[in-house]
Amino acid sequence: MATQAQIERLIGRALTNPGFRTLLLQDPRAAARQLRYRLDDSQVERIKQVSPEAADELAAKVVQALEDPQGHIGFW
């Protein structure tokens, strides 16, 4: 079972790396193995519930915030 910190690293990488995001949504266990993490069944199921469109939208907001000199994310 991945720790909360490991899940956060998976999400962070997925938000900033489109190829990794695609892998995470298609095969969460394979994506986790790239970082030497192991997901349990409930973690895999939660990740599979995320739509690619929602993930892409959030990723775009994160990238935009990183490019914003003041670091604002619209929904925060």
N, C-alpha and C. Protein backbone atom coordinates (compact mmCIF):
# COMPACT_ATOMS: atom_id res chain seq x y z
N MET A 1 0.84 -1.18 0.00
CA MET A 1 0.00 0.00 0.00
C MET A 1 0.89 1.24 0.00
N ALA A 2 0.63 2.13 -0.92
CA ALA A 2 1.38 3.38 -0.99
C ALA A 2 0.98 4.30 0.16
N THR A 3 1.94 5.02 0.65
CA THR A 3 1.65 5.99 1.71
C THR A 3 0.99 7.23 1.10
N GLN A 4 0.46 8.08 1.94
CA GLN A 4 -0.15 9.32 1.47
C GLN A 4 0.89 10.17 0.72
N ALA A 5 2.09 10.24 1.23
CA ALA A 5 3.15 11.01 0.57
C ALA A 5 3.46 10.43 -0.81
N GLN A 6 3.46 9.13 -0.93
CA GLN A 6 3.72 8.51 -2.23
C GLN A 6 2.59 8.79 -3.22
N ILE A 7 1.36 8.73 -2.75
CA ILE A 7 0.22 9.06 -3.60
C ILE A 7 0.33 10.50 -4.08
N GLU A 8 0.71 11.39 -3.18
CA GLU A 8 0.86 12.80 -3.56
C GLU A 8 1.95 12.97 -4.61
N ARG A 9 3.03 12.21 -4.52
CA ARG A 9 4.09 12.27 -5.54
C ARG A 9 3.59 11.74 -6.87
N LEU A 10 2.81 10.67 -6.85
CA LEU A 10 2.21 10.14 -8.08
C LEU A 10 1.33 11.20 -8.74
N ILE A 11 0.50 11.84 -7.95
CA ILE A 11 -0.40 12.86 -8.48
C ILE A 11 0.39 14.05 -9.01
N GLY A 12 1.37 14.48 -8.25
CA GLY A 12 2.19 15.60 -8.70
C GLY A 12 2.87 15.32 -10.02
N ARG A 13 3.43 14.14 -10.15
CA ARG A 13 4.08 13.79 -11.41
C ARG A 13 3.07 13.73 -12.54
N ALA A 14 1.89 13.16 -12.26
CA ALA A 14 0.85 13.06 -13.28
C ALA A 14 0.37 14.44 -13.74
N LEU A 15 0.33 15.38 -12.82
CA LEU A 15 -0.14 16.72 -13.18
C LEU A 15 0.87 17.49 -14.03
N THR A 16 2.12 17.14 -13.93
CA THR A 16 3.15 17.88 -14.67
C THR A 16 3.75 17.10 -15.83
N ASN A 17 3.35 15.84 -16.00
CA ASN A 17 3.91 14.99 -17.05
C ASN A 17 2.77 14.27 -17.77
N PRO A 18 2.37 14.75 -18.95
CA PRO A 18 1.22 14.16 -19.65
C PRO A 18 1.36 12.66 -19.93
N GLY A 19 2.55 12.20 -20.29
CA GLY A 19 2.74 10.78 -20.55
C GLY A 19 2.53 9.94 -19.30
N PHE A 20 3.05 10.41 -18.18
CA PHE A 20 2.87 9.70 -16.92
C PHE A 20 1.40 9.74 -16.50
N ARG A 21 0.73 10.88 -16.74
CA ARG A 21 -0.69 10.99 -16.40
C ARG A 21 -1.49 9.93 -17.16
N THR A 22 -1.21 9.78 -18.45
CA THR A 22 -1.92 8.78 -19.25
C THR A 22 -1.67 7.38 -18.69
N LEU A 23 -0.41 7.07 -18.38
CA LEU A 23 -0.09 5.76 -17.81
C LEU A 23 -0.79 5.55 -16.48
N LEU A 24 -0.76 6.55 -15.61
CA LEU A 24 -1.39 6.42 -14.30
C LEU A 24 -2.88 6.11 -14.43
N LEU A 25 -3.55 6.78 -15.35
CA LEU A 25 -4.99 6.56 -15.51
C LEU A 25 -5.30 5.22 -16.19
N GLN A 26 -4.41 4.77 -17.06
CA GLN A 26 -4.64 3.50 -17.77
C GLN A 26 -4.18 2.29 -16.97
N ASP A 27 -3.05 2.42 -16.29
CA ASP A 27 -2.48 1.30 -15.54
C ASP A 27 -1.80 1.84 -14.27
N PRO A 28 -2.61 2.12 -13.25
CA PRO A 28 -2.07 2.72 -12.03
C PRO A 28 -0.91 1.94 -11.41
N ARG A 29 -0.99 0.62 -11.45
CA ARG A 29 0.08 -0.17 -10.85
C ARG A 29 1.40 0.00 -11.60
N ALA A 30 1.35 0.03 -12.92
CA ALA A 30 2.57 0.21 -13.71
C ALA A 30 3.18 1.58 -13.45
N ALA A 31 2.33 2.61 -13.35
CA ALA A 31 2.83 3.95 -13.06
C ALA A 31 3.49 3.98 -11.68
N ALA A 32 2.85 3.36 -10.71
CA ALA A 32 3.41 3.33 -9.35
C ALA A 32 4.74 2.58 -9.33
N ARG A 33 4.83 1.50 -10.09
CA ARG A 33 6.08 0.74 -10.13
C ARG A 33 7.24 1.58 -10.66
N GLN A 34 6.96 2.52 -11.56
CA GLN A 34 8.03 3.39 -12.07
C GLN A 34 8.69 4.16 -10.93
N LEU A 35 7.93 4.46 -9.90
CA LEU A 35 8.47 5.18 -8.75
C LEU A 35 8.78 4.23 -7.58
N ARG A 36 8.69 2.94 -7.87
CA ARG A 36 8.94 1.89 -6.87
C ARG A 36 7.94 1.91 -5.71
N TYR A 37 6.70 2.23 -6.05
CA TYR A 37 5.61 2.20 -5.08
C TYR A 37 4.71 1.01 -5.41
N ARG A 38 3.92 0.62 -4.43
CA ARG A 38 2.95 -0.44 -4.65
C ARG A 38 1.58 0.05 -4.19
N LEU A 39 0.61 -0.03 -5.08
CA LEU A 39 -0.75 0.39 -4.76
C LEU A 39 -1.57 -0.82 -4.35
N ASP A 40 -2.47 -0.61 -3.39
CA ASP A 40 -3.39 -1.69 -3.06
C ASP A 40 -4.63 -1.56 -3.95
N ASP A 41 -5.52 -2.53 -3.87
CA ASP A 41 -6.69 -2.55 -4.76
C ASP A 41 -7.56 -1.31 -4.61
N SER A 42 -7.74 -0.82 -3.40
CA SER A 42 -8.60 0.35 -3.20
C SER A 42 -7.96 1.60 -3.80
N GLN A 43 -6.66 1.72 -3.73
CA GLN A 43 -5.97 2.86 -4.33
C GLN A 43 -6.09 2.82 -5.85
N VAL A 44 -5.95 1.63 -6.42
CA VAL A 44 -6.10 1.47 -7.87
C VAL A 44 -7.51 1.87 -8.30
N GLU A 45 -8.49 1.41 -7.57
CA GLU A 45 -9.89 1.72 -7.93
C GLU A 45 -10.17 3.23 -7.84
N ARG A 46 -9.63 3.89 -6.83
CA ARG A 46 -9.84 5.34 -6.70
C ARG A 46 -9.21 6.08 -7.87
N ILE A 47 -8.02 5.67 -8.28
CA ILE A 47 -7.36 6.32 -9.41
C ILE A 47 -8.16 6.08 -10.69
N LYS A 48 -8.67 4.87 -10.88
CA LYS A 48 -9.42 4.55 -12.09
C LYS A 48 -10.73 5.33 -12.19
N GLN A 49 -11.20 5.88 -11.10
CA GLN A 49 -12.43 6.67 -11.11
C GLN A 49 -12.21 8.08 -11.66
N VAL A 50 -10.97 8.51 -11.79
CA VAL A 50 -10.66 9.85 -12.29
C VAL A 50 -10.77 9.83 -13.81
N SER A 51 -11.53 10.75 -14.35
CA SER A 51 -11.66 10.82 -15.81
C SER A 51 -10.43 11.51 -16.39
N PRO A 52 -10.01 11.08 -17.57
CA PRO A 52 -8.89 11.75 -18.23
C PRO A 52 -9.14 13.24 -18.44
N GLU A 53 -10.37 13.59 -18.74
CA GLU A 53 -10.71 15.00 -18.96
C GLU A 53 -10.53 15.82 -17.70
N ALA A 54 -10.97 15.29 -16.56
CA ALA A 54 -10.81 16.00 -15.29
C ALA A 54 -9.34 16.14 -14.93
N ALA A 55 -8.57 15.07 -15.17
CA ALA A 55 -7.14 15.12 -14.87
C ALA A 55 -6.43 16.14 -15.76
N ASP A 56 -6.78 16.17 -17.04
CA ASP A 56 -6.17 17.13 -17.97
C ASP A 56 -6.53 18.56 -17.59
N GLU A 57 -7.76 18.77 -17.19
CA GLU A 57 -8.20 20.12 -16.79
C GLU A 57 -7.43 20.60 -15.56
N LEU A 58 -7.30 19.75 -14.57
CA LEU A 58 -6.56 20.11 -13.37
C LEU A 58 -5.08 20.34 -13.70
N ALA A 59 -4.52 19.48 -14.54
CA ALA A 59 -3.12 19.63 -14.93
C ALA A 59 -2.90 20.97 -15.62
N ALA A 60 -3.82 21.37 -16.49
CA ALA A 60 -3.69 22.66 -17.18
C ALA A 60 -3.69 23.80 -16.18
N LYS A 61 -4.52 23.71 -15.15
CA LYS A 61 -4.56 24.76 -14.13
C LYS A 61 -3.25 24.80 -13.34
N VAL A 62 -2.70 23.64 -13.05
CA VAL A 62 -1.43 23.60 -12.31
C VAL A 62 -0.32 24.20 -13.15
N VAL A 63 -0.24 23.82 -14.41
CA VAL A 63 0.80 24.36 -15.30
C VAL A 63 0.64 25.87 -15.43
N GLN A 64 -0.58 26.34 -15.58
CA GLN A 64 -0.83 27.77 -15.68
C GLN A 64 -0.39 28.48 -14.40
N ALA A 65 -0.67 27.89 -13.26
CA ALA A 65 -0.26 28.50 -11.99
C ALA A 65 1.25 28.54 -11.87
N LEU A 66 1.91 27.51 -12.33
CA LEU A 66 3.36 27.49 -12.27
C LEU A 66 3.97 28.55 -13.17
N GLU A 67 3.28 28.87 -14.25
CA GLU A 67 3.76 29.90 -15.17
C GLU A 67 3.38 31.31 -14.72
N ASP A 68 2.38 31.42 -13.83
CA ASP A 68 1.92 32.71 -13.31
C ASP A 68 2.96 33.22 -12.32
N PRO A 69 3.52 34.40 -12.55
CA PRO A 69 4.55 34.90 -11.65
C PRO A 69 4.08 35.03 -10.20
N GLN A 70 2.78 35.15 -10.00
CA GLN A 70 2.27 35.28 -8.63
C GLN A 70 1.81 33.94 -8.08
N GLY A 71 1.84 32.90 -8.92
CA GLY A 71 1.54 31.54 -8.46
C GLY A 71 0.11 31.29 -8.07
N HIS A 72 -0.84 31.99 -8.66
CA HIS A 72 -2.25 31.80 -8.31
C HIS A 72 -2.89 30.69 -9.14
N ILE A 73 -3.64 29.85 -8.47
CA ILE A 73 -4.45 28.85 -9.16
C ILE A 73 -5.89 29.31 -9.01
N GLY A 74 -6.59 29.36 -10.12
CA GLY A 74 -7.94 29.94 -10.14
C GLY A 74 -8.92 29.43 -9.11
N PHE A 75 -8.85 28.17 -8.75
CA PHE A 75 -9.84 27.65 -7.81
C PHE A 75 -9.40 27.75 -6.37
N TRP A 76 -8.23 28.33 -6.09
CA TRP A 76 -7.75 28.52 -4.71
C TRP A 76 -7.90 29.94 -4.28
